[in-house]
Amino acid sequence: MMDYRIVIDLIGLFLSSFGATVILFGSIEAIIKILVKKLNRHHLDINAIRIDYTSKIMLGLEFFIAGDLMKTIFTPGLNEVIILALIVAIRTVIGYSLNLEIKNDR
């Protein structure tokens, strides 16, 4: 019989990996858009690319937080809770800053 902690760790790893994948593909997409615009000598609307890229970063961060939550909920301990609180605080500040940037660019 499979231990539930292993399942929770796998779910957390999947969510974190998916968040990293979202950010990776968003980065590749932004790079391709910039290169295509530059190579075709079109006007580069960097704000539109940045807004799209920022939204992908924010989505990826949400999956990271979900993965960390899954791991921490079932691994009780003061150190894990403190680490999760710090990670969530840092990611919340980053998300808030990115969200302000999106609003200011629109």
Protein backbone atom coordinates (compact mmCIF):
# COMPACT_ATOMS: atom_id res chain seq x y z
CA MET A 1 0.00 0.00 0.00
CA MET A 2 1.32 3.43 -0.96
CA ASP A 3 2.04 5.88 1.81
CA TYR A 4 -0.09 9.03 1.54
CA ARG A 5 2.98 11.22 2.10
CA ILE A 6 4.54 9.90 -1.09
CA VAL A 7 1.37 10.74 -3.00
CA ILE A 8 1.27 14.25 -1.51
CA ASP A 9 4.96 14.78 -2.33
CA LEU A 10 4.32 13.66 -5.92
CA ILE A 11 1.36 16.02 -6.24
CA GLY A 12 3.45 18.87 -4.85
CA LEU A 13 6.30 18.04 -7.21
CA PHE A 14 3.90 17.90 -10.16
CA LEU A 15 2.40 21.31 -9.32
CA SER A 16 5.82 22.90 -8.87
CA SER A 17 7.09 21.32 -12.09
CA PHE A 18 4.02 22.53 -13.95
CA GLY A 19 4.63 26.06 -12.65
CA ALA A 20 8.22 25.91 -13.87
CA THR A 21 7.01 24.64 -17.26
CA VAL A 22 4.52 27.51 -17.59
CA ILE A 23 7.30 30.03 -16.89
CA LEU A 24 9.72 28.26 -19.24
CA PHE A 25 7.26 28.20 -22.16
CA GLY A 26 6.28 31.81 -21.43
CA SER A 27 9.96 32.77 -21.60
CA ILE A 28 10.48 30.92 -24.87
CA GLU A 29 7.36 32.51 -26.34
CA ALA A 30 8.49 36.02 -25.33
CA ILE A 31 11.96 35.45 -26.81
CA ILE A 32 10.47 34.18 -30.09
CA LYS A 33 8.10 37.15 -30.32
CA ILE A 34 10.95 39.60 -29.79
CA LEU A 35 13.20 37.87 -32.33
CA VAL A 36 10.47 37.64 -34.98
CA LYS A 37 9.63 41.33 -34.59
CA LYS A 38 13.29 42.31 -34.78
CA LEU A 39 14.10 40.07 -37.76
CA ASN A 40 11.06 41.28 -39.70
CA ARG A 41 11.94 44.86 -38.77
CA HIS A 42 8.47 45.46 -37.38
CA HIS A 43 7.75 47.94 -34.64
CA LEU A 44 8.50 46.18 -31.37
CA ASP A 45 5.61 46.65 -28.94
CA ILE A 46 7.54 45.58 -25.88
CA ASN A 47 4.69 46.44 -23.49
CA ALA A 48 2.33 43.91 -25.07
CA ILE A 49 4.99 41.20 -24.90
CA ARG A 50 5.85 42.13 -21.31
CA ILE A 51 2.21 42.05 -20.18
CA ASP A 52 1.72 38.59 -21.71
CA TYR A 53 4.98 37.32 -20.21
CA THR A 54 4.21 38.77 -16.79
CA SER A 55 0.85 37.01 -16.68
CA LYS A 56 2.59 33.69 -17.40
CA ILE A 57 5.10 34.32 -14.62
CA MET A 58 2.27 35.05 -12.19
CA LEU A 59 0.44 31.86 -13.19
CA GLY A 60 3.61 29.83 -12.74
CA LEU A 61 4.14 31.34 -9.27
CA GLU A 62 0.61 30.30 -8.29
CA PHE A 63 1.42 26.69 -9.15
CA PHE A 64 4.65 26.92 -7.12
CA ILE A 65 2.68 28.11 -4.10
CA ALA A 66 0.11 25.32 -4.54
CA GLY A 67 2.90 22.74 -4.69
CA ASP A 68 4.55 24.10 -1.55
CA LEU A 69 1.21 24.14 0.26
CA MET A 70 0.58 20.50 -0.57
CA LYS A 71 3.98 19.49 0.76
CA THR A 72 3.72 21.57 3.93
CA ILE A 73 0.18 20.64 4.92
CA PHE A 74 1.09 17.00 5.31
CA THR A 75 4.60 17.53 6.68
CA PRO A 76 3.83 19.27 9.95
CA GLY A 77 6.69 21.00 11.65
CA LEU A 78 7.64 24.50 12.66
CA ASN A 79 10.53 24.72 10.19
CA GLU A 80 8.33 23.72 7.24
CA VAL A 81 5.64 26.23 8.21
CA ILE A 82 8.19 29.04 8.58
CA ILE A 83 9.77 28.19 5.23
CA LEU A 84 6.34 28.09 3.55
CA ALA A 85 5.38 31.43 5.10
CA LEU A 86 8.57 33.03 3.80
CA ILE A 87 8.10 31.54 0.32
CA VAL A 88 4.48 32.68 0.15
CA ALA A 89 5.42 36.17 1.38
CA ILE A 90 8.19 36.54 -1.20
CA ARG A 91 6.02 35.21 -4.03
CA THR A 92 3.12 37.42 -2.95
CA VAL A 93 5.33 40.52 -3.11
CA ILE A 94 6.63 39.47 -6.52
CA GLY A 95 3.09 38.77 -7.75
CA TYR A 96 1.85 42.11 -6.43
CA SER A 97 4.74 43.95 -8.12
CA LEU A 98 4.12 42.16 -11.42
CA ASN A 99 0.40 42.89 -11.18
CA LEU A 100 1.12 46.61 -10.65
CA GLU A 101 3.42 46.56 -13.65
CA ILE A 102 0.68 45.04 -15.81
CA LYS A 103 -1.82 47.69 -14.68
CA ASN A 104 0.65 50.52 -15.31
CA ASP A 105 1.51 49.24 -18.79
CA ARG A 106 -2.11 49.01 -19.91
